[in-house]
Protein backbone atom coordinates (compact mmCIF):
# COMPACT_ATOMS: atom_id res chain seq x y z
CA UNK A 1 22.76 35.69 -47.50
CA UNK A 2 26.29 35.75 -48.86
CA UNK A 3 29.72 34.20 -48.69
CA UNK A 4 33.14 35.60 -47.91
CA UNK A 5 36.47 34.46 -49.38
CA UNK A 6 39.67 35.38 -47.54
CA UNK A 7 43.27 34.20 -47.50
CA UNK A 8 44.56 34.57 -43.95
CA UNK A 9 45.32 32.71 -40.75
CA UNK A 10 42.44 30.94 -39.03
CA UNK A 11 43.18 32.78 -35.79
CA UNK A 12 42.58 36.52 -36.00
CA UNK A 13 45.66 38.43 -34.76
CA UNK A 14 44.94 40.60 -31.74
CA UNK A 15 47.36 43.05 -30.15
CA UNK A 16 45.94 42.68 -26.64
CA UNK A 17 44.88 39.12 -25.88
CA UNK A 18 44.53 38.16 -22.23
CA UNK A 19 45.12 34.44 -21.76
CA UNK A 20 42.07 32.74 -20.31
CA UNK A 21 39.72 35.59 -21.20
CA UNK A 22 36.82 34.54 -23.41
CA UNK A 23 37.07 35.99 -26.90
CA UNK A 24 36.71 35.00 -30.54
CA UNK A 25 40.21 33.48 -30.55
CA UNK A 26 39.05 30.66 -28.28
CA UNK A 27 37.00 28.84 -30.92
CA UNK A 28 39.62 29.61 -33.58
CA UNK A 29 42.31 27.91 -31.50
CA UNK A 30 39.90 25.03 -30.91
CA UNK A 31 39.64 24.63 -34.69
CA UNK A 32 43.44 24.48 -34.93
CA UNK A 33 43.48 21.74 -32.30
CA UNK A 34 40.87 19.82 -34.29
CA UNK A 35 43.00 20.12 -37.45
CA UNK A 36 46.08 18.85 -35.60
CA UNK A 37 44.10 15.87 -34.37
CA UNK A 38 42.75 15.07 -37.85
CA UNK A 39 46.14 15.23 -39.57
CA UNK A 40 48.31 13.99 -36.70
CA UNK A 41 50.26 17.24 -36.37
CA UNK A 42 51.90 18.65 -33.27
CA UNK A 43 51.24 22.09 -34.78
CA UNK A 44 49.83 23.39 -38.05
CA UNK A 45 52.39 23.82 -40.87
CA UNK A 46 51.76 27.55 -41.30
CA UNK A 47 51.98 30.59 -39.01
CA UNK A 48 49.07 31.07 -36.59
CA UNK A 49 48.10 33.78 -36.04
CA UNK A 50 49.70 35.58 -38.97
CA UNK A 51 49.76 39.33 -39.67
CA UNK A 52 49.96 38.50 -43.38
CA UNK A 53 46.84 38.15 -45.48
CA UNK A 54 46.10 37.84 -49.17
CA UNK A 55 44.69 40.52 -51.42
CA UNK A 56 41.62 38.35 -51.97
CA UNK A 57 39.14 39.62 -49.41
CA UNK A 58 35.72 39.64 -50.94
CA UNK A 59 32.12 38.76 -50.40
CA UNK A 60 29.33 38.00 -52.84
CA UNK A 61 25.80 36.72 -52.85
CA UNK A 62 25.28 33.04 -52.18
CA UNK A 63 23.46 32.77 -55.50
CA UNK A 64 26.68 33.49 -57.41
CA UNK A 65 28.49 30.76 -55.48
CA UNK A 66 25.63 28.34 -56.11
CA UNK A 67 25.86 29.11 -59.82
CA UNK A 68 29.52 28.11 -59.85
CA UNK A 69 28.66 24.85 -58.11
CA UNK A 70 25.78 24.35 -60.56
CA UNK A 71 28.10 24.47 -63.57
CA UNK A 72 30.39 21.91 -61.92
CA UNK A 73 27.44 19.64 -61.13
CA UNK A 74 26.02 19.90 -64.67
CA UNK A 75 29.36 18.89 -66.18
CA UNK A 76 29.92 16.01 -63.78
CA UNK A 77 26.35 14.74 -64.20
CA UNK A 78 26.17 15.39 -67.98
CA UNK A 79 22.85 17.12 -67.38
CA UNK A 80 21.39 20.48 -68.45
CA UNK A 81 22.63 23.45 -66.48
CA UNK A 82 20.62 24.25 -63.37
CA UNK A 83 21.22 25.86 -59.99
CA UNK A 84 20.48 23.82 -56.88
CA UNK A 85 19.52 24.97 -53.40
CA UNK A 86 22.98 24.41 -51.94
CA UNK A 87 21.78 24.96 -48.38
CA UNK A 88 20.21 21.54 -48.86
CA UNK A 89 22.53 20.16 -51.54
CA UNK A 90 21.68 17.06 -53.55
CA UNK A 91 23.53 13.83 -52.81
CA UNK A 92 26.85 13.72 -54.61
CA UNK A 93 27.20 11.43 -57.60
CA UNK A 94 30.30 9.29 -58.10
CA UNK A 95 31.46 11.58 -60.93
CA UNK A 96 31.02 14.70 -58.79
CA UNK A 97 33.16 13.15 -56.06
CA UNK A 98 35.75 12.11 -58.65
CA UNK A 99 35.97 15.43 -60.55
CA UNK A 100 35.27 18.09 -57.92
CA UNK A 101 35.63 16.64 -54.40
CA UNK A 102 37.22 19.72 -52.83
CA UNK A 103 34.72 22.09 -54.47
CA UNK A 104 31.55 20.08 -53.83
CA UNK A 105 32.24 18.19 -50.58
CA UNK A 106 31.77 21.12 -48.24
CA UNK A 107 30.05 22.49 -45.18
CA UNK A 108 27.23 24.99 -45.52
CA UNK A 109 28.86 27.76 -43.45
CA UNK A 110 32.55 27.16 -42.70
CA UNK A 111 35.19 25.80 -45.07
CA UNK A 112 38.97 25.84 -44.67
CA UNK A 113 41.21 25.12 -47.65
CA UNK A 114 44.70 24.38 -46.34
CA UNK A 115 47.97 24.95 -48.26
CA UNK A 116 48.83 21.24 -48.20
CA UNK A 117 48.04 18.31 -50.48
CA UNK A 118 45.62 15.55 -49.47
CA UNK A 119 43.11 13.59 -51.47
CA UNK A 120 39.77 13.78 -49.67
CA UNK A 121 38.16 16.65 -47.74
CA UNK A 122 37.68 16.09 -44.00
CA UNK A 123 35.06 17.46 -41.63
CA UNK A 124 34.82 18.12 -37.91
CA UNK A 125 32.30 19.67 -35.53
CA UNK A 126 33.39 23.17 -34.58
CA UNK A 127 31.92 25.64 -32.13
CA UNK A 128 29.41 26.93 -34.68
CA UNK A 129 28.68 23.68 -36.52
CA UNK A 130 30.31 21.48 -39.13
CA UNK A 131 33.60 22.69 -40.61
CA UNK A 132 34.83 21.26 -43.91
CA UNK A 133 38.56 21.01 -44.58
CA UNK A 134 39.88 20.85 -48.14
CA UNK A 135 43.21 21.29 -49.88
CA UNK A 136 43.86 24.59 -51.66
CA UNK A 137 46.24 22.64 -53.94
CA UNK A 138 43.48 20.26 -55.03
CA UNK A 139 40.95 23.10 -55.15
CA UNK A 140 43.22 25.01 -57.53
CA UNK A 141 43.39 21.98 -59.84
CA UNK A 142 39.62 21.55 -59.80
CA UNK A 143 38.96 25.24 -60.46
CA UNK A 144 41.48 25.29 -63.31
CA UNK A 145 39.62 22.39 -64.91
CA UNK A 146 36.26 24.07 -64.27
CA UNK A 147 37.51 27.39 -65.73
CA UNK A 148 38.36 25.59 -68.99
CA UNK A 149 34.86 24.10 -69.09
CA UNK A 150 33.29 27.52 -68.53
CA UNK A 151 35.47 29.12 -71.21
CA UNK A 152 34.37 26.41 -73.65
CA UNK A 153 30.71 27.08 -72.84
CA UNK A 154 31.21 30.82 -73.34
CA UNK A 155 32.92 30.23 -76.69
CA UNK A 156 30.00 28.08 -77.81
CA UNK A 157 27.59 30.87 -76.92
CA UNK A 158 29.58 33.40 -78.95
CA UNK A 159 29.71 31.15 -82.01
CA UNK A 160 26.05 30.13 -81.59
CA UNK A 161 27.01 26.45 -81.31
CA UNK A 162 24.97 26.21 -78.13
CA UNK A 163 21.59 27.72 -77.35
CA UNK A 164 20.79 28.50 -73.74
CA UNK A 165 18.17 30.54 -71.97
CA UNK A 166 19.08 34.05 -70.85
CA UNK A 167 19.13 32.82 -67.25
CA UNK A 168 21.55 30.01 -68.13
CA UNK A 169 23.84 32.49 -69.90
CA UNK A 170 23.84 34.66 -66.77
CA UNK A 171 24.69 31.60 -64.68
CA UNK A 172 27.72 30.84 -66.87
CA UNK A 173 28.96 34.44 -66.83
CA UNK A 174 28.53 34.71 -63.04
CA UNK A 175 30.28 31.38 -62.57
CA UNK A 176 33.18 32.56 -64.74
CA UNK A 177 33.79 35.67 -62.65
CA UNK A 178 33.68 33.83 -59.33
CA UNK A 179 35.82 30.98 -60.65
CA UNK A 180 38.56 33.47 -61.59
CA UNK A 181 38.40 35.10 -58.16
CA UNK A 182 38.40 31.74 -56.40
CA UNK A 183 41.42 30.65 -58.46
CA UNK A 184 43.30 33.79 -57.45
CA UNK A 185 42.55 33.05 -53.80
CA UNK A 186 43.72 29.44 -54.14
CA UNK A 187 46.97 30.63 -55.73
CA UNK A 188 47.51 33.17 -52.94
CA UNK A 189 46.90 30.45 -50.37
CA UNK A 190 49.80 28.49 -51.83
CA UNK A 191 52.10 31.47 -52.34
CA UNK A 192 51.58 32.82 -48.81
CA UNK A 193 51.30 29.40 -47.16
CA UNK A 194 48.03 30.40 -45.51
CA UNK A 195 44.54 28.88 -45.50
CA UNK A 196 41.79 30.03 -47.82
CA UNK A 197 38.70 30.63 -45.70
CA UNK A 198 35.23 30.35 -47.23
CA UNK A 199 32.40 31.32 -44.91
CA UNK A 200 28.68 31.49 -45.54
């Protein structure tokens, strides 16, 4: 199992789309309608579909993503570093919701981070299950904060101020790499005014 991170429109551009013919665009347009209903829009505030896409177009193992979430959870909970089974995530603590709502309040398979600012993630039932909707602005802030925490942990390892198991060190290093990539994607989302799509 893995995840994909892309910066692009929710609807996939197609050169030859016959109106009324069943295709993958149908559920994508249904998701746009759901977003408009949630936020009270007549249309989404970005171009759909868009031929533009970000340079961030990557996939990685779910375990690397879970490691990033594990570092965030450990900091928020003030507990030793561990990696949870995020397909059945633990209940969020008050501090997790306060520090990392847009990172940790999420759907298992489909997450849209929109290039607009709002405080709390929303969810709706899409064609293929629950879809979580976050803000790429808020996500960028949370990841910037988390990147500083990870850098501090790495510095402590170098100076021997902190002793961790080899597995925990690997978790921190993996989390660092994905956090940097995720931050780049969040920045591109804002620069291009396009959603960041995270799919499992």
